């Protein structure tokens, strides 16, 4: 997309010389389209799949929708593994999918209304009270990542207990 954008913008500059107005319109349309794609990709690259705000875990596995889960219904974060939906460069002719390390979120059993949600399979899955966030789209997942997530969860649970309900 960057190459398409650069080429079409170059076609619109005076350096190209005289170009038919029809070709300029096509170049401008392609430049606009590629710019929209580039901006939307950059937006989603920097958008977290999981976030915390005001007592809720925000889950962005079905963009652009956000699903808010009360933090007291989140029990634990742990590591999992599944297909990454990306070709495995080590496999013959790319027939096998590579695996990725995932974040698995277990929700409380009492949270039956959050046990199932439809999400984009490329980002993860959500079944039986378990949310799986594919590691393909996250920062590198290691012990420190899960330690940070669970420590943050404990701190959020403590904050919820200390805050008087209105």
Protein backbone atom coordinates (compact mmCIF):
# COMPACT_ATOMS: atom_id res chain seq x y z
CA UNK A 1 0.00 0.00 0.00
CA UNK A 2 2.88 2.38 0.73
CA UNK A 3 4.34 1.70 -2.70
CA UNK A 4 0.97 2.29 -4.37
CA UNK A 5 0.52 5.53 -2.42
CA UNK A 6 4.02 6.77 -3.31
CA UNK A 7 3.61 5.88 -7.00
CA UNK A 8 0.22 7.53 -7.35
CA UNK A 9 1.30 10.68 -5.50
CA UNK A 10 4.36 10.86 -7.75
CA UNK A 11 2.03 10.68 -10.79
CA UNK A 12 0.26 13.77 -9.45
CA UNK A 13 3.43 15.87 -9.18
CA UNK A 14 4.76 18.17 -11.90
CA UNK A 15 7.90 15.97 -12.16
CA UNK A 16 5.93 13.50 -14.31
CA UNK A 17 5.05 16.14 -16.84
CA UNK A 18 1.80 16.35 -18.78
CA UNK A 19 -0.57 13.53 -17.84
CA UNK A 20 -4.11 13.17 -19.11
CA UNK A 21 -6.74 14.41 -16.60
CA UNK A 22 -8.38 10.96 -16.56
CA UNK A 23 -5.12 9.36 -15.43
CA UNK A 24 -4.72 12.04 -12.77
CA UNK A 25 -8.22 11.30 -11.45
CA UNK A 26 -7.42 7.57 -11.33
CA UNK A 27 -4.09 8.31 -9.57
CA UNK A 28 -5.81 10.59 -7.04
CA UNK A 29 -8.48 7.94 -6.36
CA UNK A 30 -5.86 5.23 -5.86
CA UNK A 31 -3.80 7.53 -3.62
CA UNK A 32 -6.86 8.27 -1.48
CA UNK A 33 -7.80 4.58 -1.24
CA UNK A 34 -4.26 3.51 -0.30
CA UNK A 35 -4.03 6.31 2.27
CA UNK A 36 -7.27 5.15 3.92
CA UNK A 37 -5.94 1.56 4.05
CA UNK A 38 -2.59 2.68 5.48
CA UNK A 39 -4.20 4.83 8.18
CA UNK A 40 -6.67 2.08 9.18
CA UNK A 41 -3.87 -0.51 9.37
CA UNK A 42 -1.77 1.81 11.54
CA UNK A 43 -4.77 2.46 13.77
CA UNK A 44 -5.37 -1.26 14.36
CA UNK A 45 -1.68 -2.04 14.78
CA UNK A 46 -1.48 0.38 17.71
CA UNK A 47 -4.91 -0.48 19.17
CA UNK A 48 -4.60 -2.91 22.08
CA UNK A 49 -6.64 -6.11 21.96
CA UNK A 50 -7.04 -5.92 25.75
CA UNK A 51 -7.26 -2.86 27.96
CA UNK A 52 -8.50 -1.86 31.41
CA UNK A 53 -10.66 1.17 32.10
CA UNK A 54 -12.93 2.18 34.99
CA UNK A 55 -13.43 -1.31 36.41
CA UNK A 56 -13.86 -3.06 33.06
CA UNK A 57 -11.66 -5.29 30.94
CA UNK A 58 -12.03 -4.01 27.38
CA UNK A 59 -11.78 -6.74 24.74
CA UNK A 60 -11.24 -5.72 21.10
CA UNK A 61 -11.51 -9.10 19.37
CA UNK A 62 -14.31 -8.03 17.05
CA UNK A 63 -13.19 -4.63 15.73
CA UNK A 64 -14.45 -1.97 15.81
CA UNK A 65 -16.71 -3.16 18.64
CA UNK A 66 -15.44 -3.29 22.19
CA UNK A 67 -16.81 -5.75 24.72
CA UNK A 68 -16.70 -4.55 28.33
CA UNK A 69 -16.39 -7.18 31.06
CA UNK A 70 -16.61 -6.17 34.73
CA UNK A 71 -13.14 -6.82 36.13
CA UNK A 72 -14.52 -8.76 39.10
CA UNK A 73 -15.68 -11.45 36.61
CA UNK A 74 -12.11 -11.97 35.33
CA UNK A 75 -10.34 -14.72 37.30
CA UNK A 76 -6.91 -15.24 35.75
CA UNK A 77 -4.66 -14.79 32.70
CA UNK A 78 -2.54 -17.73 31.57
CA UNK A 79 -0.59 -18.95 28.55
CA UNK A 80 -2.01 -21.14 25.83
CA UNK A 81 -1.04 -22.25 22.35
CA UNK A 82 -2.93 -22.67 19.08
CA UNK A 83 -2.69 -22.13 15.34
CA UNK A 84 -1.56 -18.64 14.44
CA UNK A 85 -3.43 -18.53 11.10
CA UNK A 86 -0.07 -17.67 9.53
CA UNK A 87 1.87 -19.97 7.18
CA UNK A 88 4.73 -21.91 8.70
CA UNK A 89 7.92 -21.05 6.77
CA UNK A 90 9.52 -24.30 7.98
CA UNK A 91 6.77 -26.50 6.52
CA UNK A 92 6.89 -27.90 3.00
CA UNK A 93 5.07 -25.59 0.58
CA UNK A 94 3.40 -23.71 3.48
CA UNK A 95 0.80 -26.44 4.05
CA UNK A 96 1.03 -26.34 7.86
CA UNK A 97 0.04 -23.37 9.94
CA UNK A 98 2.50 -22.12 12.50
CA UNK A 99 1.55 -22.03 16.15
CA UNK A 100 1.43 -19.01 18.39
CA UNK A 101 1.51 -18.51 22.12
CA UNK A 102 -1.76 -17.04 23.33
CA UNK A 103 -3.25 -15.18 26.24
CA UNK A 104 -6.10 -17.15 27.78
CA UNK A 105 -8.50 -15.34 30.09
CA UNK A 106 -10.73 -17.37 32.40
CA UNK A 107 -13.99 -15.76 33.43
CA UNK A 108 -15.98 -16.60 36.54
CA UNK A 109 -18.58 -19.37 36.21
CA UNK A 110 -21.26 -17.01 37.49
CA UNK A 111 -20.65 -14.74 34.48
CA UNK A 112 -22.88 -16.80 32.20
CA UNK A 113 -23.79 -13.80 30.04
CA UNK A 114 -20.08 -13.50 29.12
CA UNK A 115 -19.38 -17.17 28.44
CA UNK A 116 -19.86 -16.97 24.68
CA UNK A 117 -19.20 -14.18 22.17
CA UNK A 118 -18.65 -14.06 18.45
CA UNK A 119 -15.18 -12.71 17.66
CA UNK A 120 -12.96 -12.61 14.59
CA UNK A 121 -11.13 -15.97 14.52
CA UNK A 122 -7.93 -14.33 13.33
CA UNK A 123 -7.75 -12.40 16.63
CA UNK A 124 -8.90 -15.18 18.95
CA UNK A 125 -11.86 -17.12 20.26
CA UNK A 126 -14.39 -16.86 23.07
CA UNK A 127 -16.13 -20.02 24.27
CA UNK A 128 -17.25 -21.56 27.56
CA UNK A 129 -16.01 -18.65 29.66
CA UNK A 130 -12.51 -18.66 28.15
CA UNK A 131 -11.24 -15.83 25.98
CA UNK A 132 -8.24 -16.66 23.80
CA UNK A 133 -6.21 -13.79 22.34
CA UNK A 134 -3.90 -15.04 19.59
CA UNK A 135 -0.29 -14.13 20.26
CA UNK A 136 0.20 -13.37 16.58
CA UNK A 137 -1.23 -9.90 17.22
CA UNK A 138 0.33 -9.12 20.60
CA UNK A 139 3.64 -8.17 22.08
CA UNK A 140 5.98 -11.09 22.78
CA UNK A 141 4.40 -13.26 25.47
CA UNK A 142 6.67 -14.44 28.27
CA UNK A 143 6.50 -15.06 32.02
CA UNK A 144 6.88 -11.36 32.76
CA UNK A 145 3.90 -10.51 30.56
CA UNK A 146 1.63 -12.94 32.42
CA UNK A 147 3.04 -11.85 35.79
CA UNK A 148 2.24 -8.22 34.89
CA UNK A 149 -1.29 -9.10 33.69
CA UNK A 150 -2.11 -11.09 36.84
CA UNK A 151 -0.58 -8.51 39.20
CA UNK A 152 -2.63 -5.81 37.46
CA UNK A 153 -5.73 -7.99 37.81
CA UNK A 154 -5.12 -8.47 41.55
CA UNK A 155 -4.61 -4.71 41.96
CA UNK A 156 -7.85 -4.00 40.06
CA UNK A 157 -9.74 -6.53 42.24
CA UNK A 158 -8.37 -4.86 45.40
CA UNK A 159 -9.33 -1.43 44.12
CA UNK A 160 -12.87 -2.68 43.41
CA UNK A 161 -13.19 -4.04 46.95
CA UNK A 162 -11.88 -0.80 48.51
CA UNK A 163 -14.08 1.50 46.43
CA UNK A 164 -17.50 1.92 48.01
CA UNK A 165 -20.38 1.12 45.66
CA UNK A 166 -22.71 4.01 44.94
